[in-house]
Protein backbone atom coordinates (compact mmCIF):
# COMPACT_ATOMS: atom_id res chain seq x y z
CA MET A 1 0.00 0.00 0.00
CA SER A 2 1.37 3.42 -0.96
CA SER A 3 2.04 6.06 1.69
CA TYR A 4 1.37 8.87 -0.80
CA PRO A 5 -1.96 10.67 -0.48
CA VAL A 6 -4.51 9.83 -3.14
CA HIS A 7 -5.84 12.81 -5.10
CA ASP A 8 -9.09 12.64 -6.94
CA ASP A 9 -9.70 14.57 -10.14
CA SER A 10 -11.33 17.52 -8.32
CA ALA A 11 -8.32 17.91 -6.00
CA SER A 12 -5.94 17.75 -8.96
CA ALA A 13 -8.01 20.33 -10.84
CA ALA A 14 -8.04 22.61 -7.79
CA LEU A 15 -4.28 22.26 -7.44
CA ARG A 16 -3.73 23.08 -11.12
CA GLU A 17 -5.98 26.14 -10.78
CA ARG A 18 -4.05 27.34 -7.72
CA VAL A 19 -0.73 26.97 -9.57
CA GLU A 20 -2.20 28.92 -12.49
CA GLN A 21 -3.40 31.68 -10.13
CA TRP A 22 0.11 32.09 -8.72
CA ARG A 23 1.59 32.05 -12.23
CA ARG A 24 -0.71 34.96 -13.20
CA ALA A 25 -0.14 36.81 -9.93
CA GLU A 26 3.68 36.63 -10.02
CA PRO A 27 4.28 39.47 -12.53
CA VAL A 28 1.73 41.68 -10.76
CA LEU A 29 3.37 41.06 -7.38
CA ARG A 30 6.85 41.59 -8.88
CA GLY A 31 5.72 44.92 -10.33
CA GLN A 32 4.27 46.01 -6.99
CA ARG A 33 7.53 45.09 -5.24
CA VAL A 34 9.55 47.16 -7.71
CA ARG A 35 7.17 50.14 -7.26
CA ASP A 36 7.38 49.82 -3.47
CA ILE A 37 11.18 49.82 -3.58
CA ARG A 38 11.34 52.79 -5.95
CA ASN A 39 8.87 54.80 -3.85
CA ALA A 40 10.37 53.93 -0.48
CA ASP A 41 11.35 56.87 1.69
CA THR A 42 14.73 55.58 2.86
CA GLN A 43 15.48 58.57 5.10
CA ALA A 44 12.16 58.22 6.91
CA SER A 45 12.72 54.48 7.34
CA VAL A 46 16.22 54.97 8.74
CA ALA A 47 14.94 57.63 11.14
CA TRP A 48 12.11 55.34 12.28
CA PHE A 49 14.42 52.38 12.86
CA ASP A 50 16.91 54.60 14.65
CA GLY A 51 14.16 55.70 16.99
CA VAL A 52 13.10 52.13 17.63
CA PHE A 53 16.65 51.00 18.41
CA ARG A 54 17.29 53.99 20.65
CA SER A 55 14.09 53.26 22.57
CA LEU A 56 15.52 49.86 23.48
CA GLY A 57 18.27 51.49 25.51
CA PRO A 58 22.00 50.92 25.38
CA ALA A 59 23.17 47.56 24.15
CA THR A 60 25.16 45.51 26.58
CA ALA A 61 27.31 42.51 25.76
CA ARG A 62 25.95 39.32 27.23
CA ARG A 63 28.50 37.02 28.77
CA ASP A 64 26.66 33.99 27.40
CA HIS A 65 26.62 35.36 23.85
CA GLY A 66 28.63 33.35 21.31
CA LEU A 67 30.32 36.42 19.82
CA VAL A 68 31.60 37.51 23.24
CA GLU A 69 33.06 34.07 23.79
CA GLN A 70 34.61 34.12 20.30
CA GLN A 71 36.29 37.47 20.97
CA ARG A 72 37.61 36.17 24.31
CA LEU A 73 39.17 33.19 22.53
CA PHE A 74 40.70 35.41 19.82
CA ALA A 75 42.23 37.66 22.48
CA LYS A 76 43.67 34.60 24.23
CA LEU A 77 45.19 33.38 20.96
CA ARG A 78 46.76 36.81 20.30
CA ARG A 79 48.47 36.72 23.67
CA GLN A 80 50.02 33.33 22.94
């Protein structure tokens, strides 16, 4: 007995229709993406993100963070 799901003709037709819908939608979505990128206000976005990051407070290095441990090991190797 096969472990693959059995699809009847209506399920196969529905699947083919869904694939066709995405095929037709792709150029429209691509065009919208290009327009969004071209019309993006980069300065406003940078200012917004800057405000968000500043609202989080100063960043502190965590002792359990992998990058901190990596830097500690590099410093140890330099001393050797």
